[in-house]
PDB file of N, CA and C in Angstrom:
ATOM      1  N   MET A   1     131.117  75.627 138.343  1.00  0.00           N
ATOM      2  CA  MET A   1     131.001  77.025 137.969  1.00  0.00           C
ATOM      3  C   MET A   1     132.337  77.739 138.219  1.00  0.00           C
ATOM      4  N   TYR A   2     133.027  77.307 139.270  1.00  0.00           N
ATOM      5  CA  TYR A   2     134.321  77.919 139.573  1.00  0.00           C
ATOM      6  C   TYR A   2     135.281  77.767 138.389  1.00  0.00           C
ATOM      7  N   SER A   3     135.367  76.559 137.870  1.00  0.00           N
ATOM      8  CA  SER A   3     136.271  76.296 136.743  1.00  0.00           C
ATOM      9  C   SER A   3     135.884  77.108 135.522  1.00  0.00           C
ATOM     10  N   LEU A   4     134.602  77.289 135.302  1.00  0.00           N
ATOM     11  CA  LEU A   4     134.147  78.118 134.189  1.00  0.00           C
ATOM     12  C   LEU A   4     134.662  79.542 134.348  1.00  0.00           C
ATOM     13  N   GLY A   5     134.624  80.072 135.560  1.00  0.00           N
ATOM     14  CA  GLY A   5     135.137  81.420 135.806  1.00  0.00           C
ATOM     15  C   GLY A   5     136.614  81.531 135.479  1.00  0.00           C
ATOM     16  N   VAL A   6     137.387  80.535 135.861  1.00  0.00           N
ATOM     17  CA  VAL A   6     138.831  80.542 135.579  1.00  0.00           C
ATOM     18  C   VAL A   6     139.069  80.465 134.072  1.00  0.00           C
ATOM     19  N   VAL A   7     138.346  79.588 133.400  1.00  0.00           N
ATOM     20  CA  VAL A   7     138.510  79.447 131.949  1.00  0.00           C
ATOM     21  C   VAL A   7     138.098  80.728 131.226  1.00  0.00           C
ATOM     22  N   LEU A   8     137.004  81.337 131.635  1.00  0.00           N
ATOM     23  CA  LEU A   8     136.578  82.586 131.006  1.00  0.00           C
ATOM     24  C   LEU A   8     137.623  83.677 131.178  1.00  0.00           C
ATOM     25  N   PHE A   9     138.216  83.763 132.363  1.00  0.00           N
ATOM     26  CA  PHE A   9     139.274  84.746 132.567  1.00  0.00           C
ATOM     27  C   PHE A   9     140.452  84.471 131.639  1.00  0.00           C
ATOM     28  N   GLU A  10     140.833  83.207 131.532  1.00  0.00           N
ATOM     29  CA  GLU A  10     141.944  82.844 130.639  1.00  0.00           C
ATOM     30  C   GLU A  10     141.636  83.199 129.184  1.00  0.00           C
ATOM     31  N   LEU A  11     140.388  83.067 128.786  1.00  0.00           N
ATOM     32  CA  LEU A  11     140.019  83.399 127.414  1.00  0.00           C
ATOM     33  C   LEU A  11     139.984  84.905 127.170  1.00  0.00           C
ATOM     34  N   TRP A  12     139.547  85.684 128.157  1.00  0.00           N
ATOM     35  CA  TRP A  12     139.403  87.124 127.977  1.00  0.00           C
ATOM     36  C   TRP A  12     140.697  87.900 128.193  1.00  0.00           C
ATOM     37  N   TYR A  13     141.570  87.404 129.030  1.00  0.00           N
ATOM     38  CA  TYR A  13     142.789  88.146 129.353  1.00  0.00           C
ATOM     39  C   TYR A  13     143.921  87.708 128.432  1.00  0.00           C
ATOM     40  N   GLN A  14     144.652  88.663 127.911  1.00  0.00           N
ATOM     41  CA  GLN A  14     145.776  88.348 127.033  1.00  0.00           C
ATOM     42  C   GLN A  14     147.065  88.324 127.863  1.00  0.00           C
ATOM     43  N   PHE A  15     147.502  87.135 128.216  1.00  0.00           N
ATOM     44  CA  PHE A  15     148.728  86.970 128.982  1.00  0.00           C
ATOM     45  C   PHE A  15     149.920  87.196 128.061  1.00  0.00           C
ATOM     46  N   THR A  16     150.969  87.824 128.609  1.00  0.00           N
ATOM     47  CA  THR A  16     152.165  88.062 127.792  1.00  0.00           C
ATOM     48  C   THR A  16     153.239  87.018 128.052  1.00  0.00           C
ATOM     49  N   THR A  17     153.236  86.422 129.241  1.00  0.00           N
ATOM     50  CA  THR A  17     154.225  85.391 129.563  1.00  0.00           C
ATOM     51  C   THR A  17     153.555  84.294 130.387  1.00  0.00           C
ATOM     52  N   SER A  18     154.216  83.173 130.451  1.00  0.00           N
ATOM     53  CA  SER A  18     153.708  82.069 131.273  1.00  0.00           C
ATOM     54  C   SER A  18     153.738  82.435 132.751  1.00  0.00           C
ATOM     55  N   MET A  19     154.748  83.190 133.133  1.00  0.00           N
ATOM     56  CA  MET A  19     154.850  83.604 134.535  1.00  0.00           C
ATOM     57  C   MET A  19     153.703  84.540 134.903  1.00  0.00           C
ATOM     58  N   GLU A  20     153.357  85.454 134.016  1.00  0.00           N
ATOM     59  CA  GLU A  20     152.229  86.351 134.272  1.00  0.00           C
ATOM     60  C   GLU A  20     150.945  85.535 134.426  1.00  0.00           C
ATOM     61  N   ARG A  21     150.758  84.556 133.565  1.00  0.00           N
ATOM     62  CA  ARG A  21     149.590  83.691 133.651  1.00  0.00           C
ATOM     63  C   ARG A  21     149.546  82.997 135.000  1.00  0.00           C
ATOM     64  N   TYR A  22     150.659  82.436 135.422  1.00  0.00           N
ATOM     65  CA  TYR A  22     150.731  81.745 136.709  1.00  0.00           C
ATOM     66  C   TYR A  22     150.384  82.692 137.861  1.00  0.00           C
ATOM     67  N   VAL A  23     150.984  83.861 137.872  1.00  0.00           N
ATOM     68  CA  VAL A  23     150.775  84.816 138.972  1.00  0.00           C
ATOM     69  C   VAL A  23     149.310  85.267 139.022  1.00  0.00           C
ATOM     70  N   LEU A  24     148.746  85.634 137.877  1.00  0.00           N
ATOM     71  CA  LEU A  24     147.377  86.144 137.862  1.00  0.00           C
ATOM     72  C   LEU A  24     146.355  85.063 138.213  1.00  0.00           C
ATOM     73  N   LEU A  25     146.559  83.855 137.703  1.00  0.00           N
ATOM     74  CA  LEU A  25     145.636  82.776 138.060  1.00  0.00           C
ATOM     75  C   LEU A  25     145.782  82.385 139.526  1.00  0.00           C
ATOM     76  N   ASN A  26     146.984  82.442 140.033  1.00  0.00           N
ATOM     77  CA  ASN A  26     147.208  82.166 141.456  1.00  0.00           C
ATOM     78  C   ASN A  26     146.522  83.230 142.317  1.00  0.00           C
ATOM     79  N   ASP A  27     146.629  84.494 141.919  1.00  0.00           N
ATOM     80  CA  ASP A  27     145.950  85.575 142.650  1.00  0.00           C
ATOM     81  C   ASP A  27     144.437  85.383 142.621  1.00  0.00           C
ATOM     82  N   LEU A  28     143.919  84.972 141.484  1.00  0.00           N
ATOM     83  CA  LEU A  28     142.481  84.740 141.377  1.00  0.00           C
ATOM     84  C   LEU A  28     142.055  83.599 142.294  1.00  0.00           C
ATOM     85  N   LYS A  29     142.798  82.521 142.284  1.00  0.00           N
ATOM     86  CA  LYS A  29     142.434  81.351 143.084  1.00  0.00           C
ATOM     87  C   LYS A  29     142.606  81.582 144.581  1.00  0.00           C
ATOM     88  N   LEU A  30     143.716  82.204 144.978  1.00  0.00           N
ATOM     89  CA  LEU A  30     144.001  82.359 146.407  1.00  0.00           C
ATOM     90  C   LEU A  30     143.400  83.613 147.034  1.00  0.00           C
ATOM     91  N   LYS A  31     143.376  84.706 146.282  1.00  0.00           N
ATOM     92  CA  LYS A  31     142.925  85.981 146.836  1.00  0.00           C
ATOM     93  C   LYS A  31     141.601  86.467 146.241  1.00  0.00           C
ATOM     94  N   GLY A  32     141.201  85.879 145.124  1.00  0.00           N
ATOM     95  CA  GLY A  32     139.983  86.337 144.459  1.00  0.00           C
ATOM     96  C   GLY A  32     140.149  87.667 143.761  1.00  0.00           C
ATOM     97  N   THR A  33     141.390  88.018 143.397  1.00  0.00           N
ATOM     98  CA  THR A  33     141.641  89.306 142.763  1.00  0.00           C
ATOM     99  C   THR A  33     141.926  89.151 141.278  1.00  0.00           C
ATOM    100  N   LEU A  34     141.556  90.192 140.540  1.00  0.00           N
ATOM    101  CA  LEU A  34     141.809  90.274 139.109  1.00  0.00           C
ATOM    102  C   LEU A  34     142.661  91.513 138.848  1.00  0.00           C
ATOM    103  N   PRO A  35     143.357  91.559 137.720  1.00  0.00           N
ATOM    104  CA  PRO A  35     144.162  92.749 137.414  1.00  0.00           C
ATOM    105  C   PRO A  35     143.281  94.005 137.364  1.00  0.00           C
ATOM    106  N   PRO A  36     143.640  95.057 138.094  1.00  0.00           N
ATOM    107  CA  PRO A  36     142.793  96.264 138.163  1.00  0.00           C
ATOM    108  C   PRO A  36     142.537  96.917 136.812  1.00  0.00           C
ATOM    109  N   THR A  37     143.543  96.984 135.956  1.00  0.00           N
ATOM    110  CA  THR A  37     143.335  97.638 134.661  1.00  0.00           C
ATOM    111  C   THR A  37     142.372  96.829 133.794  1.00  0.00           C
ATOM    112  N   TRP A  38     142.491  95.516 133.830  1.00  0.00           N
ATOM    113  CA  TRP A  38     141.588  94.662 133.071  1.00  0.00           C
ATOM    114  C   TRP A  38     140.174  94.766 133.627  1.00  0.00           C
ATOM    115  N   SER A  39     140.056  94.754 134.937  1.00  0.00           N
ATOM    116  CA  SER A  39     138.736  94.850 135.579  1.00  0.00           C
ATOM    117  C   SER A  39     138.042  96.162 135.240  1.00  0.00           C
ATOM    118  N   ALA A  40     138.813  97.244 135.148  1.00  0.00           N
ATOM    119  CA  ALA A  40     138.231  98.542 134.816  1.00  0.00           C
ATOM    120  C   ALA A  40     137.789  98.599 133.358  1.00  0.00           C
ATOM    121  N   GLU A  41     138.552  97.967 132.482  1.00  0.00           N
ATOM    122  CA  GLU A  41     138.230  97.984 131.060  1.00  0.00           C
ATOM    123  C   GLU A  41     137.085  97.036 130.716  1.00  0.00           C
ATOM    124  N   PHE A  42     137.034  95.896 131.386  1.00  0.00           N
ATOM    125  CA  PHE A  42     136.025  94.872 131.111  1.00  0.00           C
ATOM    126  C   PHE A  42     135.211  94.608 132.374  1.00  0.00           C
ATOM    127  N   GLU A  43     134.408  95.580 132.756  1.00  0.00           N
ATOM    128  CA  GLU A  43     133.682  95.519 134.028  1.00  0.00           C
ATOM    129  C   GLU A  43     132.718  94.337 134.107  1.00  0.00           C
ATOM    130  N   SER A  44     131.938  94.115 133.068  1.00  0.00           N
ATOM    131  CA  SER A  44     130.960  93.016 133.081  1.00  0.00           C
ATOM    132  C   SER A  44     131.648  91.666 133.155  1.00  0.00           C
ATOM    133  N   GLN A  45     132.715  91.518 132.368  1.00  0.00           N
ATOM    134  CA  GLN A  45     133.449  90.260 132.375  1.00  0.00           C
ATOM    135  C   GLN A  45     134.085  90.010 133.737  1.00  0.00           C
ATOM    136  N   ALA A  46     134.652  91.049 134.323  1.00  0.00           N
ATOM    137  CA  ALA A  46     135.275  90.916 135.642  1.00  0.00           C
ATOM    138  C   ALA A  46     134.231  90.551 136.690  1.00  0.00           C
ATOM    139  N   GLU A  47     133.067  91.183 136.614  1.00  0.00           N
ATOM    140  CA  GLU A  47     131.997  90.872 137.569  1.00  0.00           C
ATOM    141  C   GLU A  47     131.555  89.415 137.429  1.00  0.00           C
ATOM    142  N   LEU A  48     131.446  88.938 136.189  1.00  0.00           N
ATOM    143  CA  LEU A  48     131.063  87.549 135.947  1.00  0.00           C
ATOM    144  C   LEU A  48     132.115  86.587 136.480  1.00  0.00           C
ATOM    145  N   VAL A  49     133.382  86.868 136.220  1.00  0.00           N
ATOM    146  CA  VAL A  49     134.466  85.999 136.705  1.00  0.00           C
ATOM    147  C   VAL A  49     134.483  85.983 138.232  1.00  0.00           C
ATOM    148  N   ARG A  50     134.324  87.145 138.856  1.00  0.00           N
ATOM    149  CA  ARG A  50     134.300  87.197 140.335  1.00  0.00           C
ATOM    150  C   ARG A  50     133.127  86.404 140.891  1.00  0.00           C
ATOM    151  N   TRP A  51     131.985  86.507 140.263  1.00  0.00           N
ATOM    152  CA  TRP A  51     130.779  85.796 140.701  1.00  0.00           C
ATOM    153  C   TRP A  51     130.992  84.287 140.585  1.00  0.00           C
ATOM    154  N   LEU A  52     131.549  83.851 139.460  1.00  0.00           N
ATOM    155  CA  LEU A  52     131.771  82.427 139.241  1.00  0.00           C
ATOM    156  C   LEU A  52     132.845  81.846 140.154  1.00  0.00           C
ATOM    157  N   THR A  53     133.805  82.664 140.555  1.00  0.00           N
ATOM    158  CA  THR A  53     134.923  82.170 141.368  1.00  0.00           C
ATOM    159  C   THR A  53     134.816  82.607 142.829  1.00  0.00           C
ATOM    160  N   ALA A  54     133.624  82.882 143.280  1.00  0.00           N
ATOM    161  CA  ALA A  54     133.429  83.274 144.683  1.00  0.00           C
ATOM    162  C   ALA A  54     134.034  82.211 145.602  1.00  0.00           C
ATOM    163  N   ALA A  55     134.613  82.668 146.706  1.00  0.00           N
ATOM    164  CA  ALA A  55     135.296  81.756 147.632  1.00  0.00           C
ATOM    165  C   ALA A  55     134.360  80.697 148.201  1.00  0.00           C
ATOM    166  N   GLN A  56     133.151  81.096 148.534  1.00  0.00           N
ATOM    167  CA  GLN A  56     132.171  80.168 149.084  1.00  0.00           C
ATOM    168  C   GLN A  56     131.323  79.586 147.955  1.00  0.00           C
ATOM    169  N   PRO A  57     131.288  78.274 147.816  1.00  0.00           N
ATOM    170  CA  PRO A  57     130.479  77.670 146.753  1.00  0.00           C
ATOM    171  C   PRO A  57     129.013  78.112 146.770  1.00  0.00           C
ATOM    172  N   SER A  58     128.481  78.363 147.937  1.00  0.00           N
ATOM    173  CA  SER A  58     127.080  78.779 148.030  1.00  0.00           C
ATOM    174  C   SER A  58     126.842  80.165 147.421  1.00  0.00           C
ATOM    175  N   GLU A  59     127.904  80.951 147.255  1.00  0.00           N
ATOM    176  CA  GLU A  59     127.789  82.287 146.667  1.00  0.00           C
ATOM    177  C   GLU A  59     127.922  82.265 145.144  1.00  0.00           C
ATOM    178  N   ARG A  60     128.317  81.125 144.587  1.00  0.00           N
ATOM    179  CA  ARG A  60     128.473  81.001 143.134  1.00  0.00           C
ATOM    180  C   ARG A  60     127.119  80.767 142.482  1.00  0.00           C
ATOM    181  N   PRO A  61     126.951  81.258 141.261  1.00  0.00           N
ATOM    182  CA  PRO A  61     125.664  81.092 140.581  1.00  0.00           C
ATOM    183  C   PRO A  61     125.498  79.695 139.998  1.00  0.00           C
ATOM    184  N   SER A  62     124.269  79.360 139.716  1.00  0.00           N
ATOM    185  CA  SER A  62     123.985  78.139 138.963  1.00  0.00           C
ATOM    186  C   SER A  62     124.099  78.489 137.474  1.00  0.00           C
ATOM    187  N   ALA A  63     124.083  77.486 136.634  1.00  0.00           N
ATOM    188  CA  ALA A  63     124.148  77.722 135.191  1.00  0.00           C
ATOM    189  C   ALA A  63     122.943  78.550 134.733  1.00  0.00           C
ATOM    190  N   VAL A  64     121.788  78.267 135.295  1.00  0.00           N
ATOM    191  CA  VAL A  64     120.580  79.009 134.929  1.00  0.00           C
ATOM    192  C   VAL A  64     120.720  80.478 135.333  1.00  0.00           C
ATOM    193  N   GLN A  65     121.248  80.734 136.507  1.00  0.00           N
ATOM    194  CA  GLN A  65     121.439  82.118 136.945  1.00  0.00           C
ATOM    195  C   GLN A  65     122.390  82.867 136.012  1.00  0.00           C
ATOM    196  N   VAL A  66     123.438  82.212 135.578  1.00  0.00           N
ATOM    197  CA  VAL A  66     124.385  82.856 134.657  1.00  0.00           C
ATOM    198  C   VAL A  66     123.696  83.161 133.336  1.00  0.00           C
ATOM    199  N   LEU A  67     122.961  82.195 132.802  1.00  0.00           N
ATOM    200  CA  LEU A  67     122.285  82.394 131.523  1.00  0.00           C
ATOM    201  C   LEU A  67     121.226  83.488 131.589  1.00  0.00           C
ATOM    202  N   ARG A  68     120.614  83.671 132.729  1.00  0.00           N
ATOM    203  CA  ARG A  68     119.574  84.692 132.888  1.00  0.00           C
ATOM    204  C   ARG A  68     120.134  86.054 133.294  1.00  0.00           C
ATOM    205  N   SER A  69     121.407  86.110 133.621  1.00  0.00           N
ATOM    206  CA  SER A  69     121.988  87.374 134.088  1.00  0.00           C
ATOM    207  C   SER A  69     122.226  88.327 132.921  1.00  0.00           C
ATOM    208  N   ASP A  70     122.383  89.584 133.251  1.00  0.00           N
ATOM    209  CA  ASP A  70     122.686  90.604 132.249  1.00  0.00           C
ATOM    210  C   ASP A  70     124.180  90.674 131.940  1.00  0.00           C
ATOM    211  N   LEU A  71     124.954  89.778 132.534  1.00  0.00           N
ATOM    212  CA  LEU A  71     126.402  89.802 132.337  1.00  0.00           C
ATOM    213  C   LEU A  71     126.831  89.128 131.035  1.00  0.00           C
ATOM    214  N   LEU A  72     125.951  88.349 130.437  1.00  0.00           N
ATOM    215  CA  LEU A  72     126.243  87.719 129.146  1.00  0.00           C
ATOM    216  C   LEU A  72     125.600  88.540 128.039  1.00  0.00           C
ATOM    217  N   PRO A  73     126.227  88.559 126.862  1.00  0.00           N
ATOM    218  CA  PRO A  73     125.584  89.260 125.743  1.00  0.00           C
ATOM    219  C   PRO A  73     124.331  88.516 125.312  1.00  0.00           C
ATOM    220  N   PRO A  74     123.382  89.213 124.697  1.00  0.00           N
ATOM    221  CA  PRO A  74     122.155  88.535 124.266  1.00  0.00           C
ATOM    222  C   PRO A  74     122.469  87.474 123.214  1.00  0.00           C
ATOM    223  N   ARG A  75     121.704  86.410 123.243  1.00  0.00           N
ATOM    224  CA  ARG A  75     121.908  85.337 122.272  1.00  0.00           C
ATOM    225  C   ARG A  75     121.268  85.723 120.946  1.00  0.00           C
ATOM    226  N   MET A  76     121.860  85.269 119.871  1.00  0.00           N
ATOM    227  CA  MET A  76     121.352  85.569 118.522  1.00  0.00           C
ATOM    228  C   MET A  76     119.922  85.095 118.360  1.00  0.00           C
ATOM    229  N   GLN A  77     119.603  83.916 118.884  1.00  0.00           N
ATOM    230  CA  GLN A  77     118.261  83.369 118.732  1.00  0.00           C
ATOM    231  C   GLN A  77     117.240  84.302 119.382  1.00  0.00           C
ATOM    232  N   ASP A  78     117.578  84.863 120.540  1.00  0.00           N
ATOM    233  CA  ASP A  78     116.663  85.755 121.228  1.00  0.00           C
ATOM    234  C   ASP A  78     116.392  87.010 120.401  1.00  0.00           C
ATOM    235  N   GLU A  79     117.438  87.576 119.798  1.00  0.00           N
ATOM    236  CA  GLU A  79     117.292  88.774 118.989  1.00  0.00           C
ATOM    237  C   GLU A  79     116.438  88.492 117.754  1.00  0.00           C
ATOM    238  N   ALA A  80     116.647  87.337 117.130  1.00  0.00           N
ATOM    239  CA  ALA A  80     115.887  86.980 115.939  1.00  0.00           C
ATOM    240  C   ALA A  80     114.407  86.805 116.279  1.00  0.00           C
ATOM    241  N   LEU A  81     114.121  86.215 117.420  1.00  0.00           N
ATOM    242  CA  LEU A  81     112.728  85.996 117.814  1.00  0.00           C
ATOM    243  C   LEU A  81     112.032  87.297 118.170  1.00  0.00           C
ATOM    244  N   ASN A  82     112.776  88.257 118.688  1.00  0.00           N
ATOM    245  CA  ASN A  82     112.156  89.536 119.054  1.00  0.00           C
ATOM    246  C   ASN A  82     111.637  90.285 117.816  1.00  0.00           C
ATOM    247  N   GLY A  83     112.257  90.053 116.659  1.00  0.00           N
ATOM    248  CA  GLY A  83     111.832  90.717 115.446  1.00  0.00           C
ATOM    249  C   GLY A  83     110.629  90.080 114.782  1.00  0.00           C
ATOM    250  N   VAL A  84     110.226  88.904 115.243  1.00  0.00           N
ATOM    251  CA  VAL A  84     109.108  88.189 114.617  1.00  0.00           C
ATOM    252  C   VAL A  84     107.789  88.649 115.178  1.00  0.00           C
TER     253      VAL A  84
END
């Protein structure tokens, strides 16, 4: 789950340089911090990344917990079934 959090951050954040990528990923891994402006703009995504990359493995969610959380957008299949 930790690696998923790192990958999701890499997908959502637009890095401008390789050095910026290195610094921000290092901050996430060592300090558990995300860029404040990005976190403010993408609150749900930041909360999900923080949850997935929690320092203690026992504090990280399972795949089922992530799928059931309100932090992910609704799935298309769920929306289609609600209309039936």
